[in-house]
Full PDB file with SEQRES, HELIX, SHEET, SSBOND, CRYST1, ORIGX, SCALE, CONECT and MASTER records, all heavy atoms in Angstrom:
SEQRES   1 A   42  LEU SER CYS GLU ALA SER GLY LEU THR PHE ARG TRP TYR          
SEQRES   2 A   42  ALA MET GLY TRP PHE ARG GLN ALA PRO GLY LYS GLU ARG          
SEQRES   3 A   42  GLU PHE VAL ALA ALA ILE SER ARG THR GLY SER ASN THR          
SEQRES   4 A   42  PHE HIS ALA                                                  
HELIX    1 AA1 PHE A   10  TRP A   12  5                                   3    
SHEET    1 AA1 3 MET A  15  ARG A  19  0                                        
SHEET    2 AA1 3 GLU A  27  ILE A  32 -1                                        
SHEET    3 AA1 3 THR A  39  HIS A  41 -1                                        
CRYST1    1.000    1.000    1.000  90.00  90.00  90.00 P 1           1          
ORIGX1      1.000000  0.000000  0.000000        0.00000                         
ORIGX2      0.000000  1.000000  0.000000        0.00000                         
ORIGX3      0.000000  0.000000  1.000000        0.00000                         
SCALE1      1.000000  0.000000  0.000000        0.00000                         
SCALE2      0.000000  1.000000  0.000000        0.00000                         
SCALE3      0.000000  0.000000  1.000000        0.00000                         
ATOM      1  N   LEU A   1       0.769  -1.233   0.002  1.00  0.00           N  
ATOM      2  CA  LEU A   1       0.004  -0.032   0.015  1.00  0.00           C  
ATOM      3  C   LEU A   1       0.848   1.255   0.078  1.00  0.00           C  
ATOM      4  O   LEU A   1       1.962   1.258   0.611  1.00  0.00           O  
ATOM      5  CB  LEU A   1      -0.975   0.045   1.223  1.00  0.00           C  
ATOM      6  CG  LEU A   1      -1.789  -1.182   1.467  1.00  0.00           C  
ATOM      7  CD1 LEU A   1      -2.688  -0.866   2.689  1.00  0.00           C  
ATOM      8  CD2 LEU A   1      -2.669  -1.513   0.138  1.00  0.00           C  
ATOM      9  N   SER A   2       0.409   2.285  -0.652  1.00  0.00           N  
ATOM     10  CA  SER A   2       1.041   3.523  -0.663  1.00  0.00           C  
ATOM     11  C   SER A   2       0.053   4.615  -0.220  1.00  0.00           C  
ATOM     12  O   SER A   2      -1.124   4.505  -0.515  1.00  0.00           O  
ATOM     13  CB  SER A   2       1.608   3.927  -2.139  1.00  0.00           C  
ATOM     14  OG  SER A   2       2.493   2.990  -2.549  1.00  0.00           O  
ATOM     15  N   CYS A   3       0.583   5.632   0.303  1.00  0.00           N  
ATOM     16  CA  CYS A   3      -0.264   6.746   0.749  1.00  0.00           C  
ATOM     17  C   CYS A   3       0.600   8.062   0.413  1.00  0.00           C  
ATOM     18  O   CYS A   3       1.619   8.355   1.038  1.00  0.00           O  
ATOM     19  CB  CYS A   3      -0.538   6.755   2.176  1.00  0.00           C  
ATOM     20  SG  CYS A   3      -1.326   8.279   2.916  1.00  0.00           S  
ATOM     21  N   GLU A   4       0.070   8.839  -0.569  1.00  0.00           N  
ATOM     22  CA  GLU A   4       0.816  10.034  -0.955  1.00  0.00           C  
ATOM     23  C   GLU A   4       0.160  11.249  -0.355  1.00  0.00           C  
ATOM     24  O   GLU A   4      -1.120  11.391  -0.449  1.00  0.00           O  
ATOM     25  CB  GLU A   4       0.809  10.185  -2.547  1.00  0.00           C  
ATOM     26  CG  GLU A   4       1.615  11.397  -2.952  1.00  0.00           C  
ATOM     27  CD  GLU A   4       1.762  11.369  -4.491  1.00  0.00           C  
ATOM     28  OE1 GLU A   4       1.326  10.489  -5.144  1.00  0.00           O  
ATOM     29  OE2 GLU A   4       2.496  12.286  -4.948  1.00  0.00           O  
ATOM     30  N   ALA A   5       0.902  12.119   0.304  1.00  0.00           N  
ATOM     31  CA  ALA A   5       0.389  13.265   0.993  1.00  0.00           C  
ATOM     32  C   ALA A   5       0.631  14.564   0.222  1.00  0.00           C  
ATOM     33  O   ALA A   5       1.654  14.628  -0.467  1.00  0.00           O  
ATOM     34  CB  ALA A   5       1.044  13.378   2.383  1.00  0.00           C  
ATOM     35  N   SER A   6      -0.226  15.409   0.235  1.00  0.00           N  
ATOM     36  CA  SER A   6      -0.078  16.763  -0.369  1.00  0.00           C  
ATOM     37  C   SER A   6      -0.743  17.845   0.433  1.00  0.00           C  
ATOM     38  O   SER A   6      -1.587  17.420   1.386  1.00  0.00           O  
ATOM     39  CB  SER A   6      -0.668  16.821  -1.807  1.00  0.00           C  
ATOM     40  OG  SER A   6      -2.124  16.491  -1.777  1.00  0.00           O  
ATOM     41  N   GLY A   7      -0.303  19.159   0.357  1.00  0.00           N  
ATOM     42  CA  GLY A   7      -0.917  20.166   1.160  1.00  0.00           C  
ATOM     43  C   GLY A   7      -0.291  20.241   2.511  1.00  0.00           C  
ATOM     44  O   GLY A   7      -0.873  21.073   3.389  1.00  0.00           O  
ATOM     45  N   LEU A   8       0.703  19.535   2.787  1.00  0.00           N  
ATOM     46  CA  LEU A   8       1.390  19.677   4.149  1.00  0.00           C  
ATOM     47  C   LEU A   8       2.906  19.412   3.927  1.00  0.00           C  
ATOM     48  O   LEU A   8       3.344  18.911   2.852  1.00  0.00           O  
ATOM     49  CB  LEU A   8       0.784  18.580   5.103  1.00  0.00           C  
ATOM     50  CG  LEU A   8       0.710  17.133   4.659  1.00  0.00           C  
ATOM     51  CD1 LEU A   8       2.093  16.495   4.825  1.00  0.00           C  
ATOM     52  CD2 LEU A   8      -0.227  16.430   5.753  1.00  0.00           C  
ATOM     53  N   THR A   9       3.676  19.798   5.006  1.00  0.00           N  
ATOM     54  CA  THR A   9       5.051  19.548   4.960  1.00  0.00           C  
ATOM     55  C   THR A   9       5.342  18.133   5.529  1.00  0.00           C  
ATOM     56  O   THR A   9       5.332  17.974   6.705  1.00  0.00           O  
ATOM     57  CB  THR A   9       5.849  20.642   5.671  1.00  0.00           C  
ATOM     58  OG1 THR A   9       5.483  21.947   5.322  1.00  0.00           O  
ATOM     59  CG2 THR A   9       7.380  20.461   5.752  1.00  0.00           C  
ATOM     60  N   PHE A  10       5.376  17.164   4.579  1.00  0.00           N  
ATOM     61  CA  PHE A  10       5.403  15.818   4.987  1.00  0.00           C  
ATOM     62  C   PHE A  10       6.415  15.472   6.036  1.00  0.00           C  
ATOM     63  O   PHE A  10       6.137  14.625   6.912  1.00  0.00           O  
ATOM     64  CB  PHE A  10       5.532  14.901   3.662  1.00  0.00           C  
ATOM     65  CG  PHE A  10       5.417  13.500   3.870  1.00  0.00           C  
ATOM     66  CD1 PHE A  10       4.154  12.987   4.193  1.00  0.00           C  
ATOM     67  CD2 PHE A  10       6.441  12.637   3.868  1.00  0.00           C  
ATOM     68  CE1 PHE A  10       3.883  11.591   4.360  1.00  0.00           C  
ATOM     69  CE2 PHE A  10       6.295  11.220   3.966  1.00  0.00           C  
ATOM     70  CZ  PHE A  10       5.043  10.745   4.312  1.00  0.00           C  
ATOM     71  N   ARG A  11       7.578  15.871   5.975  1.00  0.00           N  
ATOM     72  CA  ARG A  11       8.661  15.534   6.845  1.00  0.00           C  
ATOM     73  C   ARG A  11       8.376  16.035   8.388  1.00  0.00           C  
ATOM     74  O   ARG A  11       9.042  15.578   9.290  1.00  0.00           O  
ATOM     75  CB  ARG A  11      10.061  16.142   6.442  1.00  0.00           C  
ATOM     76  CG  ARG A  11      10.169  17.660   6.563  1.00  0.00           C  
ATOM     77  CD  ARG A  11      11.429  18.088   5.984  1.00  0.00           C  
ATOM     78  NE  ARG A  11      11.612  19.608   6.187  1.00  0.00           N  
ATOM     79  CZ  ARG A  11      11.122  20.468   5.308  1.00  0.00           C  
ATOM     80  NH1 ARG A  11      10.502  20.096   4.267  1.00  0.00           N  
ATOM     81  NH2 ARG A  11      11.347  21.733   5.453  1.00  0.00           N  
ATOM     82  N   TRP A  12       7.336  16.812   8.497  1.00  0.00           N  
ATOM     83  CA  TRP A  12       6.978  17.285   9.976  1.00  0.00           C  
ATOM     84  C   TRP A  12       5.945  16.299  10.502  1.00  0.00           C  
ATOM     85  O   TRP A  12       5.544  16.616  11.686  1.00  0.00           O  
ATOM     86  CB  TRP A  12       6.448  18.699   9.892  1.00  0.00           C  
ATOM     87  CG  TRP A  12       7.455  19.801   9.583  1.00  0.00           C  
ATOM     88  CD1 TRP A  12       8.744  19.621   9.498  1.00  0.00           C  
ATOM     89  CD2 TRP A  12       7.215  21.104   9.358  1.00  0.00           C  
ATOM     90  NE1 TRP A  12       9.284  20.816   9.178  1.00  0.00           N  
ATOM     91  CE2 TRP A  12       8.433  21.800   9.073  1.00  0.00           C  
ATOM     92  CE3 TRP A  12       6.071  21.925   9.217  1.00  0.00           C  
ATOM     93  CZ2 TRP A  12       8.493  23.092   8.788  1.00  0.00           C  
ATOM     94  CZ3 TRP A  12       6.135  23.220   8.980  1.00  0.00           C  
ATOM     95  CH2 TRP A  12       7.353  23.829   8.724  1.00  0.00           C  
ATOM     96  N   TYR A  13       5.575  15.339   9.876  1.00  0.00           N  
ATOM     97  CA  TYR A  13       4.321  14.509  10.278  1.00  0.00           C  
ATOM     98  C   TYR A  13       4.766  13.108  10.505  1.00  0.00           C  
ATOM     99  O   TYR A  13       5.489  12.485   9.661  1.00  0.00           O  
ATOM    100  CB  TYR A  13       3.223  14.493   9.276  1.00  0.00           C  
ATOM    101  CG  TYR A  13       2.426  15.835   9.232  1.00  0.00           C  
ATOM    102  CD1 TYR A  13       2.954  16.973   8.660  1.00  0.00           C  
ATOM    103  CD2 TYR A  13       1.205  15.853   9.815  1.00  0.00           C  
ATOM    104  CE1 TYR A  13       2.271  18.205   8.652  1.00  0.00           C  
ATOM    105  CE2 TYR A  13       0.537  17.120   9.883  1.00  0.00           C  
ATOM    106  CZ  TYR A  13       1.121  18.194   9.242  1.00  0.00           C  
ATOM    107  OH  TYR A  13       0.276  19.385   9.302  1.00  0.00           O  
ATOM    108  N   ALA A  14       4.460  12.597  11.672  1.00  0.00           N  
ATOM    109  CA  ALA A  14       4.483  11.196  11.850  1.00  0.00           C  
ATOM    110  C   ALA A  14       3.277  10.603  11.126  1.00  0.00           C  
ATOM    111  O   ALA A  14       2.286  11.207  10.929  1.00  0.00           O  
ATOM    112  CB  ALA A  14       4.394  10.886  13.350  1.00  0.00           C  
ATOM    113  N   MET A  15       3.446   9.257  10.721  1.00  0.00           N  
ATOM    114  CA  MET A  15       2.356   8.760   9.906  1.00  0.00           C  
ATOM    115  C   MET A  15       1.933   7.403  10.490  1.00  0.00           C  
ATOM    116  O   MET A  15       2.716   6.700  11.184  1.00  0.00           O  
ATOM    117  CB  MET A  15       2.876   8.493   8.493  1.00  0.00           C  
ATOM    118  CG  MET A  15       3.312   9.684   7.714  1.00  0.00           C  
ATOM    119  SD  MET A  15       1.994  10.823   7.458  1.00  0.00           S  
ATOM    120  CE  MET A  15       0.847   9.898   6.314  1.00  0.00           C  
ATOM    121  N   GLY A  16       0.682   6.982  10.212  1.00  0.00           N  
ATOM    122  CA  GLY A  16       0.246   5.614  10.651  1.00  0.00           C  
ATOM    123  C   GLY A  16      -0.620   4.958   9.687  1.00  0.00           C  
ATOM    124  O   GLY A  16      -1.176   5.647   8.811  1.00  0.00           O  
ATOM    125  N   TRP A  17      -0.781   3.676   9.818  1.00  0.00           N  
ATOM    126  CA  TRP A  17      -1.817   2.901   9.121  1.00  0.00           C  
ATOM    127  C   TRP A  17      -2.780   2.310   9.994  1.00  0.00           C  
ATOM    128  O   TRP A  17      -2.338   1.775  11.111  1.00  0.00           O  
ATOM    129  CB  TRP A  17      -1.117   1.859   8.283  1.00  0.00           C  
ATOM    130  CG  TRP A  17      -0.484   2.318   7.018  1.00  0.00           C  
ATOM    131  CD1 TRP A  17       1.022   2.492   6.878  1.00  0.00           C  
ATOM    132  CD2 TRP A  17      -1.055   2.570   5.693  1.00  0.00           C  
ATOM    133  NE1 TRP A  17       1.193   2.887   5.622  1.00  0.00           N  
ATOM    134  CE2 TRP A  17       0.099   2.930   4.859  1.00  0.00           C  
ATOM    135  CE3 TRP A  17      -2.227   2.511   5.239  1.00  0.00           C  
ATOM    136  CZ2 TRP A  17      -0.163   3.261   3.615  1.00  0.00           C  
ATOM    137  CZ3 TRP A  17      -2.480   2.790   3.887  1.00  0.00           C  
ATOM    138  CH2 TRP A  17      -1.389   3.199   3.068  1.00  0.00           C  
ATOM    139  N   PHE A  18      -4.090   2.310   9.701  1.00  0.00           N  
ATOM    140  CA  PHE A  18      -5.114   1.761  10.481  1.00  0.00           C  
ATOM    141  C   PHE A  18      -5.948   0.888   9.553  1.00  0.00           C  
ATOM    142  O   PHE A  18      -5.876   1.102   8.297  1.00  0.00           O  
ATOM    143  CB  PHE A  18      -5.981   2.834  11.181  1.00  0.00           C  
ATOM    144  CG  PHE A  18      -5.204   3.572  12.239  1.00  0.00           C  
ATOM    145  CD1 PHE A  18      -4.365   4.536  11.959  1.00  0.00           C  
ATOM    146  CD2 PHE A  18      -5.553   3.268  13.530  1.00  0.00           C  
ATOM    147  CE1 PHE A  18      -3.688   5.277  12.894  1.00  0.00           C  
ATOM    148  CE2 PHE A  18      -4.941   4.048  14.614  1.00  0.00           C  
ATOM    149  CZ  PHE A  18      -4.024   5.020  14.353  1.00  0.00           C  
ATOM    150  N   ARG A  19      -6.799   0.092  10.052  1.00  0.00           N  
ATOM    151  CA  ARG A  19      -7.678  -0.678   9.210  1.00  0.00           C  
ATOM    152  C   ARG A  19      -9.040  -0.947   9.826  1.00  0.00           C  
ATOM    153  O   ARG A  19      -9.081  -0.932  11.217  1.00  0.00           O  
ATOM    154  CB  ARG A  19      -7.052  -2.098   8.815  1.00  0.00           C  
ATOM    155  CG  ARG A  19      -6.891  -3.049  10.029  1.00  0.00           C  
ATOM    156  CD  ARG A  19      -6.218  -4.241   9.553  1.00  0.00           C  
ATOM    157  NE  ARG A  19      -5.892  -5.301  10.609  1.00  0.00           N  
ATOM    158  CZ  ARG A  19      -5.232  -6.367  10.411  1.00  0.00           C  
ATOM    159  NH1 ARG A  19      -4.553  -6.619   9.325  1.00  0.00           N  
ATOM    160  NH2 ARG A  19      -5.193  -7.249  11.549  1.00  0.00           N  
ATOM    161  N   GLN A  20      -9.995  -1.120   9.078  1.00  0.00           N  
ATOM    162  CA  GLN A  20     -11.396  -1.399   9.606  1.00  0.00           C  
ATOM    163  C   GLN A  20     -12.049  -2.502   8.811  1.00  0.00           C  
ATOM    164  O   GLN A  20     -12.225  -2.302   7.624  1.00  0.00           O  
ATOM    165  CB  GLN A  20     -12.251  -0.143   9.593  1.00  0.00           C  
ATOM    166  CG  GLN A  20     -13.547  -0.279  10.323  1.00  0.00           C  
ATOM    167  CD  GLN A  20     -14.258   0.974  10.484  1.00  0.00           C  
ATOM    168  OE1 GLN A  20     -14.039   2.033   9.800  1.00  0.00           O  
ATOM    169  NE2 GLN A  20     -15.171   1.016  11.476  1.00  0.00           N  
ATOM    170  N   ALA A  21     -12.335  -3.587   9.528  1.00  0.00           N  
ATOM    171  CA  ALA A  21     -13.057  -4.732   8.812  1.00  0.00           C  
ATOM    172  C   ALA A  21     -14.521  -4.520   8.995  1.00  0.00           C  
ATOM    173  O   ALA A  21     -15.021  -3.875   9.924  1.00  0.00           O  
ATOM    174  CB  ALA A  21     -12.606  -6.018   9.427  1.00  0.00           C  
ATOM    175  N   PRO A  22     -15.398  -5.113   8.112  1.00  0.00           N  
ATOM    176  CA  PRO A  22     -16.832  -4.857   8.298  1.00  0.00           C  
ATOM    177  C   PRO A  22     -17.317  -5.272   9.646  1.00  0.00           C  
ATOM    178  O   PRO A  22     -17.029  -6.396  10.184  1.00  0.00           O  
ATOM    179  CB  PRO A  22     -17.403  -5.890   7.158  1.00  0.00           C  
ATOM    180  CG  PRO A  22     -16.300  -5.939   6.135  1.00  0.00           C  
ATOM    181  CD  PRO A  22     -14.926  -5.847   7.071  1.00  0.00           C  
ATOM    182  N   GLY A  23     -18.081  -4.336  10.278  1.00  0.00           N  
ATOM    183  CA  GLY A  23     -18.735  -4.691  11.550  1.00  0.00           C  
ATOM    184  C   GLY A  23     -17.769  -4.595  12.646  1.00  0.00           C  
ATOM    185  O   GLY A  23     -18.251  -4.915  13.853  1.00  0.00           O  
ATOM    186  N   LYS A  24     -16.534  -4.100  12.480  1.00  0.00           N  
ATOM    187  CA  LYS A  24     -15.578  -3.951  13.557  1.00  0.00           C  
ATOM    188  C   LYS A  24     -15.194  -2.559  13.613  1.00  0.00           C  
ATOM    189  O   LYS A  24     -15.240  -1.775  12.614  1.00  0.00           O  
ATOM    190  CB  LYS A  24     -14.394  -4.822  13.312  1.00  0.00           C  
ATOM    191  CG  LYS A  24     -14.706  -6.257  13.290  1.00  0.00           C  
ATOM    192  CD  LYS A  24     -13.468  -7.252  13.390  1.00  0.00           C  
ATOM    193  CE  LYS A  24     -13.753  -8.670  13.534  1.00  0.00           C  
ATOM    194  NZ  LYS A  24     -12.587  -9.508  13.458  1.00  0.00           N  
ATOM    195  N   GLU A  25     -14.578  -2.188  14.739  1.00  0.00           N  
ATOM    196  CA  GLU A  25     -13.998  -0.893  14.942  1.00  0.00           C  
ATOM    197  C   GLU A  25     -12.587  -0.688  14.218  1.00  0.00           C  
ATOM    198  O   GLU A  25     -11.933  -1.716  14.030  1.00  0.00           O  
ATOM    199  CB  GLU A  25     -13.774  -0.557  16.435  1.00  0.00           C  
ATOM    200  CG  GLU A  25     -15.044  -0.421  17.185  1.00  0.00           C  
ATOM    201  CD  GLU A  25     -14.841  -0.005  18.589  1.00  0.00           C  
ATOM    202  OE1 GLU A  25     -13.680  -0.009  19.088  1.00  0.00           O  
ATOM    203  OE2 GLU A  25     -15.782   0.273  19.384  1.00  0.00           O  
ATOM    204  N   ARG A  26     -12.264   0.497  13.912  1.00  0.00           N  
ATOM    205  CA  ARG A  26     -11.028   0.703  13.308  1.00  0.00           C  
ATOM    206  C   ARG A  26      -9.852   0.399  14.235  1.00  0.00           C  
ATOM    207  O   ARG A  26     -10.036   0.786  15.343  1.00  0.00           O  
ATOM    208  CB  ARG A  26     -10.865   2.185  12.755  1.00  0.00           C  
ATOM    209  CG  ARG A  26      -9.743   2.394  11.800  1.00  0.00           C  
ATOM    210  CD  ARG A  26      -9.981   3.534  10.957  1.00  0.00           C  
ATOM    211  NE  ARG A  26     -10.282   4.781  11.507  1.00  0.00           N  
ATOM    212  CZ  ARG A  26     -10.703   5.908  10.859  1.00  0.00           C  
ATOM    213  NH1 ARG A  26     -10.679   5.895   9.498  1.00  0.00           N  
ATOM    214  NH2 ARG A  26     -11.056   6.963  11.468  1.00  0.00           N  
ATOM    215  N   GLU A  27      -8.782  -0.265  13.740  1.00  0.00           N  
ATOM    216  CA  GLU A  27      -7.746  -0.683  14.657  1.00  0.00           C  
ATOM    217  C   GLU A  27      -6.368  -0.200  14.084  1.00  0.00           C  
ATOM    218  O   GLU A  27      -6.197  -0.031  12.808  1.00  0.00           O  
ATOM    219  CB  GLU A  27      -7.722  -2.132  14.814  1.00  0.00           C  
ATOM    220  CG  GLU A  27      -7.438  -2.962  13.610  1.00  0.00           C  
ATOM    221  CD  GLU A  27      -7.306  -4.491  13.897  1.00  0.00           C  
ATOM    222  OE1 GLU A  27      -7.445  -4.902  15.053  1.00  0.00           O  
ATOM    223  OE2 GLU A  27      -7.076  -5.212  12.894  1.00  0.00           O  
ATOM    224  N   PHE A  28      -5.384   0.012  14.992  1.00  0.00           N  
ATOM    225  CA  PHE A  28      -4.036   0.422  14.638  1.00  0.00           C  
ATOM    226  C   PHE A  28      -3.310  -0.718  13.913  1.00  0.00           C  
ATOM    227  O   PHE A  28      -3.525  -1.958  14.380  1.00  0.00           O  
ATOM    228  CB  PHE A  28      -3.394   0.853  15.904  1.00  0.00           C  
ATOM    229  CG  PHE A  28      -1.916   0.970  15.664  1.00  0.00           C  
ATOM    230  CD1 PHE A  28      -1.321   2.111  15.163  1.00  0.00           C  
ATOM    231  CD2 PHE A  28      -1.051   0.008  16.126  1.00  0.00           C  
ATOM    232  CE1 PHE A  28      -0.035   2.256  14.942  1.00  0.00           C  
ATOM    233  CE2 PHE A  28       0.374   0.135  15.945  1.00  0.00           C  
ATOM    234  CZ  PHE A  28       0.873   1.278  15.411  1.00  0.00           C  
ATOM    235  N   VAL A  29      -2.508  -0.365  12.913  1.00  0.00           N  
ATOM    236  CA  VAL A  29      -1.756  -1.402  12.298  1.00  0.00           C  
ATOM    237  C   VAL A  29      -0.242  -1.161  12.380  1.00  0.00           C  
ATOM    238  O   VAL A  29       0.457  -1.998  12.806  1.00  0.00           O  
ATOM    239  CB  VAL A  29      -2.166  -1.492  10.751  1.00  0.00           C  
ATOM    240  CG1 VAL A  29      -1.140  -2.450  10.011  1.00  0.00           C  
ATOM    241  CG2 VAL A  29      -3.659  -1.931  10.533  1.00  0.00           C  
ATOM    242  N   ALA A  30       0.134   0.054  12.075  1.00  0.00           N  
ATOM    243  CA  ALA A  30       1.597   0.443  12.128  1.00  0.00           C  
ATOM    244  C   ALA A  30       1.769   1.902  12.133  1.00  0.00           C  
ATOM    245  O   ALA A  30       0.952   2.655  11.716  1.00  0.00           O  
ATOM    246  CB  ALA A  30       2.384  -0.171  10.890  1.00  0.00           C  
ATOM    247  N   ALA A  31       2.924   2.345  12.736  1.00  0.00           N  
ATOM    248  CA  ALA A  31       3.267   3.768  12.817  1.00  0.00           C  
ATOM    249  C   ALA A  31       4.707   3.955  12.539  1.00  0.00           C  
ATOM    250  O   ALA A  31       5.513   3.104  12.769  1.00  0.00           O  
ATOM    251  CB  ALA A  31       2.831   4.290  14.133  1.00  0.00           C  
ATOM    252  N   ILE A  32       5.019   5.254  12.037  1.00  0.00           N  
ATOM    253  CA  ILE A  32       6.404   5.584  11.796  1.00  0.00           C  
ATOM    254  C   ILE A  32       6.704   6.987  12.215  1.00  0.00           C  
ATOM    255  O   ILE A  32       5.733   7.812  12.011  1.00  0.00           O  
ATOM    256  CB  ILE A  32       6.750   5.244  10.284  1.00  0.00           C  
ATOM    257  CG1 ILE A  32       8.191   5.432   9.982  1.00  0.00           C  
ATOM    258  CG2 ILE A  32       5.889   6.172   9.416  1.00  0.00           C  
ATOM    259  CD1 ILE A  32       8.619   4.857   8.709  1.00  0.00           C  
ATOM    260  N   SER A  33       7.851   7.263  12.740  1.00  0.00           N  
ATOM    261  CA  SER A  33       8.132   8.576  13.120  1.00  0.00           C  
ATOM    262  C   SER A  33       8.408   9.572  11.877  1.00  0.00           C  
ATOM    263  O   SER A  33       8.508   8.943  10.769  1.00  0.00           O  
ATOM    264  CB  SER A  33       9.459   8.644  14.040  1.00  0.00           C  
ATOM    265  OG  SER A  33      10.519   8.088  13.288  1.00  0.00           O  
ATOM    266  N   ARG A  34       8.526  10.736  12.073  1.00  0.00           N  
ATOM    267  CA  ARG A  34       8.482  11.617  10.902  1.00  0.00           C  
ATOM    268  C   ARG A  34       9.871  11.534  10.095  1.00  0.00           C  
ATOM    269  O   ARG A  34       9.952  11.804   8.954  1.00  0.00           O  
ATOM    270  CB  ARG A  34       8.328  13.159  11.356  1.00  0.00           C  
ATOM    271  CG  ARG A  34       9.483  13.705  12.222  1.00  0.00           C  
ATOM    272  CD  ARG A  34       9.003  15.165  12.546  1.00  0.00           C  
ATOM    273  NE  ARG A  34      10.054  15.876  13.200  1.00  0.00           N  
ATOM    274  CZ  ARG A  34      11.062  16.501  12.646  1.00  0.00           C  
ATOM    275  NH1 ARG A  34      11.126  16.580  11.268  1.00  0.00           N  
ATOM    276  NH2 ARG A  34      11.991  17.174  13.357  1.00  0.00           N  
ATOM    277  N   THR A  35      10.853  11.102  10.844  1.00  0.00           N  
ATOM    278  CA  THR A  35      12.227  10.845  10.191  1.00  0.00           C  
ATOM    279  C   THR A  35      12.278   9.448   9.667  1.00  0.00           C  
ATOM    280  O   THR A  35      13.285   9.094   8.821  1.00  0.00           O  
ATOM    281  CB  THR A  35      13.312  11.132  11.064  1.00  0.00           C  
ATOM    282  OG1 THR A  35      13.328  10.276  12.108  1.00  0.00           O  
ATOM    283  CG2 THR A  35      13.315  12.548  11.527  1.00  0.00           C  
ATOM    284  N   GLY A  36      11.432   8.515  10.074  1.00  0.00           N  
ATOM    285  CA  GLY A  36      11.538   7.153   9.614  1.00  0.00           C  
ATOM    286  C   GLY A  36      12.444   6.389  10.568  1.00  0.00           C  
ATOM    287  O   GLY A  36      12.690   5.184  10.367  1.00  0.00           O  
ATOM    288  N   SER A  37      12.967   7.029  11.619  1.00  0.00           N  
ATOM    289  CA  SER A  37      13.967   6.306  12.478  1.00  0.00           C  
ATOM    290  C   SER A  37      13.289   5.335  13.362  1.00  0.00           C  
ATOM    291  O   SER A  37      13.911   4.328  13.839  1.00  0.00           O  
ATOM    292  CB  SER A  37      14.734   7.406  13.282  1.00  0.00           C  
ATOM    293  OG  SER A  37      13.830   8.145  14.093  1.00  0.00           O  
ATOM    294  N   ASN A  38      12.024   5.574  13.699  1.00  0.00           N  
ATOM    295  CA  ASN A  38      11.331   4.595  14.635  1.00  0.00           C  
ATOM    296  C   ASN A  38      10.039   4.102  13.971  1.00  0.00           C  
ATOM    297  O   ASN A  38       9.293   4.840  13.332  1.00  0.00           O  
ATOM    298  CB  ASN A  38      10.978   5.351  16.000  1.00  0.00           C  
ATOM    299  CG  ASN A  38      12.208   5.607  16.710  1.00  0.00           C  
ATOM    300  OD1 ASN A  38      13.131   4.871  16.844  1.00  0.00           O  
ATOM    301  ND2 ASN A  38      12.254   6.707  17.435  1.00  0.00           N  
ATOM    302  N   THR A  39       9.856   2.842  14.114  1.00  0.00           N  
ATOM    303  CA  THR A  39       8.487   2.231  13.676  1.00  0.00           C  
ATOM    304  C   THR A  39       7.929   1.396  14.771  1.00  0.00           C  
ATOM    305  O   THR A  39       8.588   0.972  15.717  1.00  0.00           O  
ATOM    306  CB  THR A  39       8.811   1.428  12.414  1.00  0.00           C  
ATOM    307  OG1 THR A  39       9.611   0.322  12.698  1.00  0.00           O  
ATOM    308  CG2 THR A  39       9.337   2.312  11.179  1.00  0.00           C  
ATOM    309  N   PHE A  40       6.652   1.136  14.659  1.00  0.00           N  
ATOM    310  CA  PHE A  40       5.989   0.170  15.610  1.00  0.00           C  
ATOM    311  C   PHE A  40       4.806  -0.503  14.833  1.00  0.00           C  
ATOM    312  O   PHE A  40       4.143   0.216  14.042  1.00  0.00           O  
ATOM    313  CB  PHE A  40       5.414   1.030  16.759  1.00  0.00           C  
ATOM    314  CG  PHE A  40       4.791   0.206  17.808  1.00  0.00           C  
ATOM    315  CD1 PHE A  40       5.604  -0.499  18.765  1.00  0.00           C  
ATOM    316  CD2 PHE A  40       3.407   0.041  17.937  1.00  0.00           C  
ATOM    317  CE1 PHE A  40       5.030  -1.327  19.721  1.00  0.00           C  
ATOM    318  CE2 PHE A  40       2.824  -0.667  18.932  1.00  0.00           C  
ATOM    319  CZ  PHE A  40       3.676  -1.454  19.799  1.00  0.00           C  
ATOM    320  N   HIS A  41       4.715  -1.834  15.095  1.00  0.00           N  
ATOM    321  CA  HIS A  41       3.667  -2.624  14.414  1.00  0.00           C  
ATOM    322  C   HIS A  41       2.823  -3.310  15.429  1.00  0.00           C  
ATOM    323  O   HIS A  41       3.293  -3.706  16.454  1.00  0.00           O  
ATOM    324  CB  HIS A  41       4.331  -3.616  13.454  1.00  0.00           C  
ATOM    325  CG  HIS A  41       5.143  -3.006  12.431  1.00  0.00           C  
ATOM    326  ND1 HIS A  41       6.419  -2.540  12.619  1.00  0.00           N  
ATOM    327  CD2 HIS A  41       4.863  -2.822  11.118  1.00  0.00           C  
ATOM    328  CE1 HIS A  41       6.899  -1.980  11.493  1.00  0.00           C  
ATOM    329  NE2 HIS A  41       5.969  -2.147  10.498  1.00  0.00           N  
ATOM    330  N   ALA A  42       1.529  -3.415  15.129  1.00  0.00           N  
ATOM    331  CA  ALA A  42       0.596  -4.160  16.053  1.00  0.00           C  
ATOM    332  C   ALA A  42       1.111  -5.612  16.058  1.00  0.00           C  
ATOM    333  O   ALA A  42       1.626  -6.093  15.066  1.00  0.00           O  
ATOM    334  CB  ALA A  42      -0.846  -3.955  15.488  1.00  0.00           C  
TER     335      ALA A  42                                                      
MASTER        0    0    0    1    3    0    0    6  334    1    0    4          
END                                                                             
């Protein structure tokens, strides 16, 4: 999966991925710091 950002200064933003299955609440999948130095996965 790719996520392209526009309208913001991307390097200032930490990013995350979430997912939502039918009938379920949205849940955390993965996150990354703004520099990419740190990541965390469910």
